[in-house]
Amino acid sequence: MARFASVLPALQQGHSIQRSEWEPVNRLFVADNALMWQCGGAKPFRCALTWDELSATDWRHFEDASGLVVNESSAGFLPISRDSDRAMHGSFEEASQQHNSNIFLMNQK
Protein backbone atom coordinates (compact mmCIF):
# COMPACT_ATOMS: atom_id res chain seq x y z
CA MET A 1 0.00 0.00 0.00
CA ALA A 2 1.22 3.49 -0.77
CA ARG A 3 0.44 7.20 -0.67
CA PHE A 4 -0.85 8.93 -3.82
CA ALA A 5 2.47 10.72 -4.43
CA SER A 6 4.23 7.36 -4.71
CA VAL A 7 1.86 6.05 -7.43
CA LEU A 8 1.98 9.30 -9.41
CA PRO A 9 4.94 8.02 -11.51
CA ALA A 10 2.78 5.05 -12.54
CA LEU A 11 0.18 7.47 -13.91
CA GLN A 12 2.93 9.34 -15.77
CA GLN A 13 4.06 6.10 -17.37
CA GLY A 14 0.54 5.34 -18.60
CA HIS A 15 -0.45 2.80 -15.94
CA SER A 16 -3.74 2.61 -14.10
CA ILE A 17 -4.01 2.86 -10.31
CA GLN A 18 -6.64 2.14 -7.69
CA ARG A 19 -7.23 2.08 -3.96
CA SER A 20 -7.50 -1.22 -2.14
CA GLU A 21 -10.88 -0.23 -0.65
CA TRP A 22 -12.40 0.22 -4.13
CA GLU A 23 -14.15 -2.52 -6.06
CA PRO A 24 -11.51 -4.42 -8.07
CA VAL A 25 -12.85 -3.13 -11.41
CA ASN A 26 -12.52 0.59 -10.53
CA ARG A 27 -9.39 2.38 -11.71
CA LEU A 28 -7.85 5.76 -12.47
CA PHE A 29 -5.65 6.62 -15.42
CA VAL A 30 -4.61 9.70 -17.39
CA ALA A 31 -5.89 10.42 -20.91
CA ASP A 32 -5.25 13.68 -22.77
CA ASN A 33 -3.81 15.22 -19.56
CA ALA A 34 -7.02 14.51 -17.64
CA LEU A 35 -7.52 12.16 -14.71
CA MET A 36 -10.06 9.54 -15.75
CA TRP A 37 -12.16 7.08 -13.72
CA GLN A 38 -13.40 3.82 -15.19
CA CYS A 39 -15.52 1.06 -13.71
CA GLY A 40 -15.01 -2.20 -15.56
CA GLY A 41 -15.80 -1.84 -19.24
CA ALA A 42 -17.98 1.26 -18.79
CA LYS A 43 -17.12 4.49 -20.57
CA PRO A 44 -14.43 6.38 -18.59
CA PHE A 45 -15.11 9.93 -17.36
CA ARG A 46 -13.07 12.81 -15.94
CA CYS A 47 -12.80 12.91 -12.19
CA ALA A 48 -11.26 14.84 -9.31
CA LEU A 49 -9.92 13.34 -6.11
CA THR A 50 -11.04 14.44 -2.66
CA TRP A 51 -8.59 15.23 0.14
CA ASP A 52 -9.43 11.88 1.76
CA GLU A 53 -8.41 10.09 -1.45
CA LEU A 54 -5.23 12.14 -1.88
CA SER A 55 -4.15 11.50 1.69
CA ALA A 56 -5.07 7.79 1.66
CA THR A 57 -2.28 5.25 2.12
CA ASP A 58 -3.83 2.33 0.22
CA TRP A 59 -2.98 3.27 -3.39
CA ARG A 60 -1.65 0.56 -5.70
CA HIS A 61 -1.19 -0.36 -9.35
CA PHE A 62 -4.36 -1.58 -11.05
CA GLU A 63 -4.25 -5.21 -12.14
CA ASP A 64 -6.73 -6.71 -14.57
CA ALA A 65 -8.44 -10.05 -13.91
CA SER A 66 -5.38 -11.94 -15.20
CA GLY A 67 -3.18 -10.22 -12.59
CA LEU A 68 -1.34 -8.09 -15.15
CA VAL A 69 -0.59 -4.44 -14.44
CA VAL A 70 -2.52 -2.36 -16.99
CA ASN A 71 -0.60 0.16 -19.08
CA GLU A 72 -2.87 2.58 -20.94
CA SER A 73 -0.12 4.10 -23.10
CA SER A 74 -0.26 1.06 -25.37
CA ALA A 75 -3.91 1.91 -26.04
CA GLY A 76 -3.08 5.43 -27.17
CA PHE A 77 -3.56 7.31 -23.90
CA LEU A 78 -1.06 10.04 -23.16
CA PRO A 79 0.85 10.30 -19.88
CA ILE A 80 0.64 13.61 -18.02
CA SER A 81 3.22 16.26 -18.80
CA ARG A 82 6.18 17.07 -16.53
CA ASP A 83 4.65 20.50 -15.81
CA SER A 84 1.40 18.87 -14.68
CA ASP A 85 3.42 16.50 -12.51
CA ARG A 86 5.27 19.37 -10.81
CA ALA A 87 2.05 21.30 -10.24
CA MET A 88 0.20 18.26 -8.86
CA HIS A 89 3.13 17.21 -6.66
CA GLY A 90 3.62 20.80 -5.43
CA SER A 91 -0.04 21.25 -4.53
CA PHE A 92 -0.10 17.84 -2.81
CA GLU A 93 2.97 18.74 -0.74
CA GLU A 94 1.55 22.20 0.10
CA ALA A 95 -1.79 20.72 1.18
CA SER A 96 -0.01 18.09 3.26
CA GLN A 97 2.11 20.74 5.02
CA GLN A 98 -0.99 22.86 5.69
CA HIS A 99 -2.82 19.82 7.07
CA ASN A 100 0.11 18.97 9.36
CA SER A 101 0.42 22.55 10.63
CA ASN A 102 -3.33 22.60 11.40
CA ILE A 103 -2.92 19.43 13.47
CA PHE A 104 0.03 21.01 15.30
CA LEU A 105 -2.01 24.14 16.08
CA MET A 106 -4.94 22.05 17.32
CA ASN A 107 -2.64 20.10 19.63
CA GLN A 108 -1.22 23.34 21.08
CA LYS A 109 -4.62 24.43 22.48
C-alpha atoms as a PDB file:
ATOM      1  CA  MET A   1       0.000   0.000   0.000  1.00  0.00           C
ATOM      2  CA  ALA A   2       1.215   3.491  -0.768  1.00  0.00           C
ATOM      3  CA  ARG A   3       0.443   7.201  -0.673  1.00  0.00           C
ATOM      4  CA  PHE A   4      -0.848   8.929  -3.821  1.00  0.00           C
ATOM      5  CA  ALA A   5       2.474  10.718  -4.427  1.00  0.00           C
ATOM      6  CA  SER A   6       4.232   7.358  -4.713  1.00  0.00           C
ATOM      7  CA  VAL A   7       1.860   6.052  -7.428  1.00  0.00           C
ATOM      8  CA  LEU A   8       1.984   9.296  -9.413  1.00  0.00           C
ATOM      9  CA  PRO A   9       4.940   8.023 -11.509  1.00  0.00           C
ATOM     10  CA  ALA A  10       2.776   5.054 -12.544  1.00  0.00           C
ATOM     11  CA  LEU A  11       0.181   7.474 -13.907  1.00  0.00           C
ATOM     12  CA  GLN A  12       2.930   9.343 -15.770  1.00  0.00           C
ATOM     13  CA  GLN A  13       4.061   6.096 -17.370  1.00  0.00           C
ATOM     14  CA  GLY A  14       0.539   5.344 -18.599  1.00  0.00           C
ATOM     15  CA  HIS A  15      -0.447   2.798 -15.942  1.00  0.00           C
ATOM     16  CA  SER A  16      -3.744   2.614 -14.102  1.00  0.00           C
ATOM     17  CA  ILE A  17      -4.009   2.860 -10.313  1.00  0.00           C
ATOM     18  CA  GLN A  18      -6.642   2.143  -7.688  1.00  0.00           C
ATOM     19  CA  ARG A  19      -7.232   2.080  -3.957  1.00  0.00           C
ATOM     20  CA  SER A  20      -7.499  -1.223  -2.135  1.00  0.00           C
ATOM     21  CA  GLU A  21     -10.876  -0.228  -0.655  1.00  0.00           C
ATOM     22  CA  TRP A  22     -12.396   0.221  -4.132  1.00  0.00           C
ATOM     23  CA  GLU A  23     -14.147  -2.515  -6.059  1.00  0.00           C
ATOM     24  CA  PRO A  24     -11.507  -4.425  -8.066  1.00  0.00           C
ATOM     25  CA  VAL A  25     -12.847  -3.132 -11.412  1.00  0.00           C
ATOM     26  CA  ASN A  26     -12.519   0.588 -10.528  1.00  0.00           C
ATOM     27  CA  ARG A  27      -9.392   2.378 -11.705  1.00  0.00           C
ATOM     28  CA  LEU A  28      -7.854   5.756 -12.468  1.00  0.00           C
ATOM     29  CA  PHE A  29      -5.653   6.624 -15.421  1.00  0.00           C
ATOM     30  CA  VAL A  30      -4.615   9.698 -17.391  1.00  0.00           C
ATOM     31  CA  ALA A  31      -5.887  10.423 -20.906  1.00  0.00           C
ATOM     32  CA  ASP A  32      -5.245  13.682 -22.767  1.00  0.00           C
ATOM     33  CA  ASN A  33      -3.808  15.220 -19.565  1.00  0.00           C
ATOM     34  CA  ALA A  34      -7.022  14.509 -17.639  1.00  0.00           C
ATOM     35  CA  LEU A  35      -7.517  12.163 -14.707  1.00  0.00           C
ATOM     36  CA  MET A  36     -10.058   9.543 -15.748  1.00  0.00           C
ATOM     37  CA  TRP A  37     -12.164   7.081 -13.717  1.00  0.00           C
ATOM     38  CA  GLN A  38     -13.401   3.818 -15.186  1.00  0.00           C
ATOM     39  CA  CYS A  39     -15.525   1.064 -13.715  1.00  0.00           C
ATOM     40  CA  GLY A  40     -15.013  -2.201 -15.558  1.00  0.00           C
ATOM     41  CA  GLY A  41     -15.805  -1.845 -19.244  1.00  0.00           C
ATOM     42  CA  ALA A  42     -17.982   1.260 -18.794  1.00  0.00           C
ATOM     43  CA  LYS A  43     -17.118   4.488 -20.572  1.00  0.00           C
ATOM     44  CA  PRO A  44     -14.431   6.384 -18.587  1.00  0.00           C
ATOM     45  CA  PHE A  45     -15.110   9.928 -17.363  1.00  0.00           C
ATOM     46  CA  ARG A  46     -13.071  12.806 -15.939  1.00  0.00           C
ATOM     47  CA  CYS A  47     -12.799  12.907 -12.186  1.00  0.00           C
ATOM     48  CA  ALA A  48     -11.261  14.842  -9.313  1.00  0.00           C
ATOM     49  CA  LEU A  49      -9.923  13.339  -6.114  1.00  0.00           C
ATOM     50  CA  THR A  50     -11.038  14.438  -2.656  1.00  0.00           C
ATOM     51  CA  TRP A  51      -8.591  15.229   0.136  1.00  0.00           C
ATOM     52  CA  ASP A  52      -9.432  11.876   1.756  1.00  0.00           C
ATOM     53  CA  GLU A  53      -8.415  10.086  -1.448  1.00  0.00           C
ATOM     54  CA  LEU A  54      -5.233  12.145  -1.881  1.00  0.00           C
ATOM     55  CA  SER A  55      -4.153  11.499   1.693  1.00  0.00           C
ATOM     56  CA  ALA A  56      -5.066   7.785   1.664  1.00  0.00           C
ATOM     57  CA  THR A  57      -2.280   5.252   2.117  1.00  0.00           C
ATOM     58  CA  ASP A  58      -3.831   2.329   0.223  1.00  0.00           C
ATOM     59  CA  TRP A  59      -2.981   3.274  -3.389  1.00  0.00           C
ATOM     60  CA  ARG A  60      -1.649   0.563  -5.700  1.00  0.00           C
ATOM     61  CA  HIS A  61      -1.192  -0.358  -9.353  1.00  0.00           C
ATOM     62  CA  PHE A  62      -4.356  -1.577 -11.048  1.00  0.00           C
ATOM     63  CA  GLU A  63      -4.248  -5.212 -12.137  1.00  0.00           C
ATOM     64  CA  ASP A  64      -6.731  -6.708 -14.567  1.00  0.00           C
ATOM     65  CA  ALA A  65      -8.442 -10.052 -13.911  1.00  0.00           C
ATOM     66  CA  SER A  66      -5.384 -11.940 -15.195  1.00  0.00           C
ATOM     67  CA  GLY A  67      -3.184 -10.224 -12.592  1.00  0.00           C
ATOM     68  CA  LEU A  68      -1.336  -8.088 -15.148  1.00  0.00           C
ATOM     69  CA  VAL A  69      -0.585  -4.436 -14.437  1.00  0.00           C
ATOM     70  CA  VAL A  70      -2.518  -2.362 -16.988  1.00  0.00           C
ATOM     71  CA  ASN A  71      -0.597   0.165 -19.084  1.00  0.00           C
ATOM     72  CA  GLU A  72      -2.872   2.576 -20.936  1.00  0.00           C
ATOM     73  CA  SER A  73      -0.119   4.104 -23.105  1.00  0.00           C
ATOM     74  CA  SER A  74      -0.260   1.064 -25.366  1.00  0.00           C
ATOM     75  CA  ALA A  75      -3.907   1.908 -26.038  1.00  0.00           C
ATOM     76  CA  GLY A  76      -3.077   5.432 -27.168  1.00  0.00           C
ATOM     77  CA  PHE A  77      -3.559   7.305 -23.897  1.00  0.00           C
ATOM     78  CA  LEU A  78      -1.060  10.040 -23.155  1.00  0.00           C
ATOM     79  CA  PRO A  79       0.855  10.299 -19.883  1.00  0.00           C
ATOM     80  CA  ILE A  80       0.638  13.607 -18.017  1.00  0.00           C
ATOM     81  CA  SER A  81       3.225  16.256 -18.799  1.00  0.00           C
ATOM     82  CA  ARG A  82       6.180  17.073 -16.535  1.00  0.00           C
ATOM     83  CA  ASP A  83       4.647  20.505 -15.808  1.00  0.00           C
ATOM     84  CA  SER A  84       1.404  18.865 -14.684  1.00  0.00           C
ATOM     85  CA  ASP A  85       3.419  16.503 -12.509  1.00  0.00           C
ATOM     86  CA  ARG A  86       5.274  19.367 -10.810  1.00  0.00           C
ATOM     87  CA  ALA A  87       2.055  21.300 -10.240  1.00  0.00           C
ATOM     88  CA  MET A  88       0.203  18.255  -8.858  1.00  0.00           C
ATOM     89  CA  HIS A  89       3.128  17.210  -6.662  1.00  0.00           C
ATOM     90  CA  GLY A  90       3.616  20.796  -5.428  1.00  0.00           C
ATOM     91  CA  SER A  91      -0.039  21.254  -4.535  1.00  0.00           C
ATOM     92  CA  PHE A  92      -0.104  17.845  -2.811  1.00  0.00           C
ATOM     93  CA  GLU A  93       2.970  18.744  -0.742  1.00  0.00           C
ATOM     94  CA  GLU A  94       1.555  22.195   0.096  1.00  0.00           C
ATOM     95  CA  ALA A  95      -1.786  20.718   1.185  1.00  0.00           C
ATOM     96  CA  SER A  96      -0.006  18.086   3.259  1.00  0.00           C
ATOM     97  CA  GLN A  97       2.105  20.737   5.023  1.00  0.00           C
ATOM     98  CA  GLN A  98      -0.991  22.862   5.688  1.00  0.00           C
ATOM     99  CA  HIS A  99      -2.822  19.816   7.065  1.00  0.00           C
ATOM    100  CA  ASN A 100       0.110  18.967   9.359  1.00  0.00           C
ATOM    101  CA  SER A 101       0.418  22.550  10.634  1.00  0.00           C
ATOM    102  CA  ASN A 102      -3.325  22.601  11.404  1.00  0.00           C
ATOM    103  CA  ILE A 103      -2.923  19.425  13.466  1.00  0.00           C
ATOM    104  CA  PHE A 104       0.034  21.014  15.295  1.00  0.00           C
ATOM    105  CA  LEU A 105      -2.013  24.138  16.083  1.00  0.00           C
ATOM    106  CA  MET A 106      -4.941  22.054  17.322  1.00  0.00           C
ATOM    107  CA  ASN A 107      -2.635  20.104  19.629  1.00  0.00           C
ATOM    108  CA  GLN A 108      -1.224  23.340  21.083  1.00  0.00           C
ATOM    109  CA  LYS A 109      -4.617  24.426  22.480  1.00  0.00           C
END
